[in-house]
Amino acid sequence: MTNPSIFRTVMGADFDRLHPHLQRRFSVGLASGEACIGRGVMGRIWHGGAFVKPFLALGATRNILVPREGRDVPFVIENVPYVDSFGRETVTFVRTFDLPAGPRRFDAQMVLSPKGDRVLDYLGTHQHLASDLHFRAEPDGSLLIRSGEHRFREGVVDVRVPELIGATAEVRESYDDTTDRFRIRVRVVNRYFGPLFGYEGSFRATYTDIRTCGVRPGLRPVREESRA
């Protein structure tokens, strides 16, 4: 395949083991010319212990994580490809949760690493946090995504986030042929303190031509980070 998506590139032949609907969803990119918009309901958004809340509230100021819990929360996920200011193909993973107290966003922008062996996940409006992501097709055709090392960048500061305050994210996405919906489950866990945050729900996806619709205002981050 010529100019595969960043996700197919990192997964190689493993990509073909995904459910066909997942293959299309993770083929969004400049070559396909498609963006994917998912609309659905999160059956549950949950948090860990009370000590987590200040960190979630702080992260929410830059659209990182979600500071409130909820059930049956409508949400939208926008996966739109574009070229960032450093010339890299980028795919947005912007999630908007329609909570009773007002909408909350969890922003991420994904790019291919320089070696093409992993996906870099830049989090938030200013991309202060960056994580390595590793993709794997499961035997049932679902997709498992696990985060690796986390780094914090601000000005000249470029440091690895210690395990004590860092966390590992695990995302499982599948397609339910019975309901014709994607299903997603996310868990963020700290090695020492246990589960911190997560959500699970389902959605339907529509695809649009990016050459026609482009990237809507407010979807791209305020600041972009070049360091991989």
Protein backbone atom coordinates (compact mmCIF):
# COMPACT_ATOMS: atom_id res chain seq x y z
CA MET A 1 0.00 0.00 0.00
CA THR A 2 1.32 3.45 -0.94
CA ASN A 3 1.44 6.06 1.83
CA PRO A 4 -0.34 4.04 4.52
CA SER A 5 -1.79 5.72 7.59
CA ILE A 6 0.51 6.28 10.57
CA PHE A 7 -1.31 3.47 12.38
CA ARG A 8 -0.89 0.93 9.59
CA THR A 9 2.78 1.91 9.36
CA VAL A 10 3.52 1.09 13.01
CA MET A 11 1.40 -2.09 13.05
CA GLY A 12 2.60 -3.56 9.76
CA ALA A 13 0.96 -6.89 8.87
CA ASP A 14 -0.74 -6.93 12.28
CA PHE A 15 -3.05 -4.18 11.02
CA ASP A 16 -4.77 -6.67 8.68
CA ARG A 17 -5.90 -8.71 11.70
CA LEU A 18 -8.15 -5.88 12.89
CA HIS A 19 -11.90 -5.96 12.30
CA PRO A 20 -12.61 -4.34 8.90
CA HIS A 21 -14.42 -1.41 10.52
CA LEU A 22 -11.39 -0.77 12.75
CA GLN A 23 -9.14 -0.98 9.72
CA ARG A 24 -11.10 1.78 8.03
CA ARG A 25 -11.26 3.92 11.16
CA PHE A 26 -7.50 3.72 11.69
CA SER A 27 -6.78 4.31 8.02
CA VAL A 28 -7.77 7.97 8.38
CA GLY A 29 -4.95 10.12 7.08
CA LEU A 30 -3.78 12.40 4.37
CA ALA A 31 -3.50 9.52 1.87
CA SER A 32 -7.06 8.26 2.48
CA GLY A 33 -8.40 11.82 2.43
CA GLU A 34 -10.85 10.91 5.19
CA ALA A 35 -11.60 12.15 8.68
CA CYS A 36 -13.61 10.06 11.16
CA ILE A 37 -16.15 11.59 13.54
CA GLY A 38 -17.58 9.33 16.23
CA ARG A 39 -20.73 10.18 18.19
CA GLY A 40 -22.04 8.10 21.05
CA VAL A 41 -22.45 7.71 24.81
CA MET A 42 -20.00 6.94 27.56
CA GLY A 43 -21.80 4.58 29.87
CA ARG A 44 -19.40 5.50 32.63
CA ILE A 45 -16.62 8.00 33.34
CA TRP A 46 -14.86 7.15 36.61
CA HIS A 47 -12.03 8.35 38.84
CA GLY A 48 -9.80 6.72 41.45
CA GLY A 49 -9.37 7.96 45.03
CA ALA A 50 -9.87 11.52 46.23
CA PHE A 51 -6.14 12.23 45.86
CA VAL A 52 -6.56 12.05 42.07
CA LYS A 53 -9.00 14.95 41.79
CA PRO A 54 -6.51 17.86 42.14
CA PHE A 55 -4.36 16.37 39.35
CA LEU A 56 -7.40 15.86 37.12
CA ALA A 57 -8.56 19.43 37.77
CA LEU A 58 -5.10 20.77 36.90
CA GLY A 59 -4.91 18.70 33.73
CA ALA A 60 -8.38 19.85 32.69
CA THR A 61 -7.11 23.44 32.39
CA ARG A 62 -5.15 22.24 29.33
CA ASN A 63 -7.71 19.69 28.07
CA ILE A 64 -5.90 16.70 29.57
CA LEU A 65 -8.14 14.06 31.18
CA VAL A 66 -11.64 14.80 32.50
CA PRO A 67 -12.16 16.13 36.05
CA ARG A 68 -15.75 14.92 36.54
CA GLU A 69 -17.41 11.53 36.79
CA GLY A 70 -20.64 10.65 35.06
CA ARG A 71 -22.91 8.04 33.52
CA ASP A 72 -24.57 7.97 30.11
CA VAL A 73 -22.57 10.99 28.97
CA PRO A 74 -22.91 11.99 25.29
CA PHE A 75 -19.55 12.45 23.60
CA VAL A 76 -17.88 13.14 20.27
CA ILE A 77 -14.43 11.99 19.12
CA GLU A 78 -12.84 13.78 16.17
CA ASN A 79 -10.06 12.06 14.21
CA VAL A 80 -8.95 14.56 11.59
CA PRO A 81 -5.61 14.41 9.70
CA TYR A 82 -3.55 17.50 8.88
CA VAL A 83 0.06 18.63 8.45
CA ASP A 84 1.41 20.33 11.58
CA SER A 85 3.76 23.32 11.66
CA PHE A 86 6.77 20.97 11.53
CA GLY A 87 5.60 19.25 8.36
CA ARG A 88 4.46 16.04 10.07
CA GLU A 89 1.24 14.19 9.29
CA THR A 90 -0.91 14.47 12.41
CA VAL A 91 -4.22 12.88 13.40
CA THR A 92 -6.37 14.51 16.07
CA PHE A 93 -7.92 12.49 18.88
CA VAL A 94 -10.10 15.19 20.39
CA ARG A 95 -12.83 13.90 22.70
CA THR A 96 -15.61 16.19 23.93
CA PHE A 97 -17.79 14.97 26.81
CA ASP A 98 -21.17 16.67 27.27
CA LEU A 99 -21.29 16.59 31.07
CA PRO A 100 -24.15 18.20 33.07
CA ALA A 101 -21.86 20.94 34.39
CA GLY A 102 -20.69 21.77 30.86
CA PRO A 103 -18.61 20.19 28.09
CA ARG A 104 -15.08 18.96 28.81
CA ARG A 105 -12.41 18.13 26.26
CA PHE A 106 -9.57 15.63 26.28
CA ASP A 107 -7.18 16.55 23.45
CA ALA A 108 -4.47 14.47 21.83
CA GLN A 109 -2.59 14.74 18.55
CA MET A 110 -0.81 11.70 17.14
CA VAL A 111 2.22 11.67 14.84
CA LEU A 112 4.58 8.98 13.59
CA SER A 113 7.94 8.77 15.37
CA PRO A 114 11.03 9.67 13.29
CA LYS A 115 11.96 5.98 12.97
CA GLY A 116 8.37 4.95 12.15
CA ASP A 117 8.35 2.36 14.95
CA ARG A 118 5.82 3.98 17.27
CA VAL A 119 3.18 6.66 17.48
CA LEU A 120 3.85 9.79 19.52
CA ASP A 121 0.83 11.03 21.46
CA TYR A 122 0.99 14.75 22.32
CA LEU A 123 -1.56 15.65 25.00
CA GLY A 124 -3.40 18.86 25.72
CA THR A 125 -3.76 22.31 24.23
CA HIS A 126 -0.03 23.06 24.53
CA GLN A 127 1.38 19.54 24.06
CA HIS A 128 3.24 19.69 27.40
CA LEU A 129 2.95 15.91 27.78
CA ALA A 130 4.06 13.33 25.23
CA SER A 131 3.72 9.55 25.36
CA ASP A 132 4.87 6.62 23.25
CA LEU A 133 1.97 4.47 22.07
CA HIS A 134 2.18 0.81 21.09
CA PHE A 135 -0.58 -0.82 18.98
CA ARG A 136 -1.57 -4.50 18.83
CA ALA A 137 -4.37 -6.44 17.16
CA GLU A 138 -6.08 -8.90 19.50
CA PRO A 139 -7.27 -12.39 18.43
CA ASP A 140 -10.91 -11.18 18.27
CA GLY A 141 -10.04 -8.36 15.86
CA SER A 142 -10.09 -5.63 18.50
CA LEU A 143 -7.30 -3.09 18.99
CA LEU A 144 -5.19 -2.74 22.12
CA ILE A 145 -3.19 0.47 22.62
CA ARG A 146 -0.75 0.82 25.52
CA SER A 147 1.24 3.88 26.49
CA GLY A 148 4.95 3.71 27.16
CA GLU A 149 7.30 6.39 28.46
CA HIS A 150 5.85 9.82 29.29
CA ARG A 151 7.76 13.07 28.93
CA PHE A 152 7.08 16.65 30.07
CA ARG A 153 8.17 19.55 27.85
CA GLU A 154 8.03 23.27 28.63
CA GLY A 155 10.61 25.66 27.22
CA VAL A 156 14.08 24.19 27.84
CA VAL A 157 12.62 21.60 30.23
CA ASP A 158 12.46 18.09 28.77
CA VAL A 159 12.18 15.41 31.45
CA ARG A 160 10.87 11.87 31.81
CA VAL A 161 7.83 11.67 34.10
CA PRO A 162 8.77 9.48 37.12
CA GLU A 163 6.78 6.28 37.67
CA LEU A 164 5.65 7.55 41.07
CA ILE A 165 3.50 10.27 39.51
CA GLY A 166 3.14 8.86 36.00
CA ALA A 167 0.63 6.33 34.75
CA THR A 168 0.04 3.76 32.04
CA ALA A 169 -2.94 4.15 29.73
CA GLU A 170 -4.63 1.15 28.15
CA VAL A 171 -7.19 1.61 25.39
CA ARG A 172 -9.28 -1.23 23.98
CA GLU A 173 -11.39 -0.52 20.92
CA SER A 174 -13.58 -3.07 19.16
CA TYR A 175 -16.51 -3.30 16.78
CA ASP A 176 -19.82 -4.88 17.79
CA ASP A 177 -21.45 -6.39 14.69
CA THR A 178 -24.70 -6.95 16.60
CA THR A 179 -25.27 -3.27 17.36
CA ASP A 180 -23.15 -1.83 14.53
CA ARG A 181 -21.24 0.31 17.01
CA PHE A 182 -17.65 0.79 18.04
CA ARG A 183 -16.92 0.02 21.67
CA ILE A 184 -14.16 1.68 23.65
CA ARG A 185 -12.72 1.18 27.12
CA VAL A 186 -9.94 3.29 28.63
CA ARG A 187 -8.07 2.74 31.90
CA VAL A 188 -5.27 4.91 33.29
CA VAL A 189 -3.37 3.19 36.10
CA ASN A 190 -0.48 4.25 38.34
CA ARG A 191 1.94 1.48 39.29
CA TYR A 192 1.83 2.39 42.98
CA PHE A 193 -1.61 3.95 43.52
CA GLY A 194 -3.74 1.81 41.21
CA PRO A 195 -6.55 2.95 38.86
CA LEU A 196 -6.70 6.72 38.39
CA PHE A 197 -9.18 7.44 35.62
CA GLY A 198 -11.15 5.78 32.86
CA TYR A 199 -14.25 5.58 30.72
CA GLU A 200 -16.16 3.10 28.61
CA GLY A 201 -18.89 3.46 26.03
CA SER A 202 -19.88 3.03 22.41
CA PHE A 203 -20.30 5.16 19.30
CA ARG A 204 -21.07 5.21 15.59
CA ALA A 205 -18.70 6.74 13.08
CA THR A 206 -19.13 8.85 9.98
CA TYR A 207 -16.43 9.71 7.46
CA THR A 208 -15.89 13.02 5.72
CA ASP A 209 -13.63 14.23 2.92
CA ILE A 210 -10.92 16.41 4.49
CA ARG A 211 -10.32 18.10 1.15
CA THR A 212 -13.84 19.50 1.47
CA CYS A 213 -14.28 20.00 5.23
CA GLY A 214 -10.67 20.72 6.30
CA VAL A 215 -9.81 21.16 9.99
CA ARG A 216 -12.37 23.10 11.96
CA PRO A 217 -11.21 26.08 14.07
CA GLY A 218 -10.18 25.15 17.60
CA LEU A 219 -9.28 21.54 16.82
CA ARG A 220 -5.54 22.06 16.51
CA PRO A 221 -3.46 22.75 19.65
CA VAL A 222 -2.45 26.23 20.72
CA ARG A 223 1.24 25.23 20.74
CA GLU A 224 2.93 22.37 18.86
CA GLU A 225 5.90 20.40 20.13
CA SER A 226 8.67 19.23 17.80
CA ARG A 227 10.64 17.07 20.22
CA ALA A 228 10.05 13.34 19.78
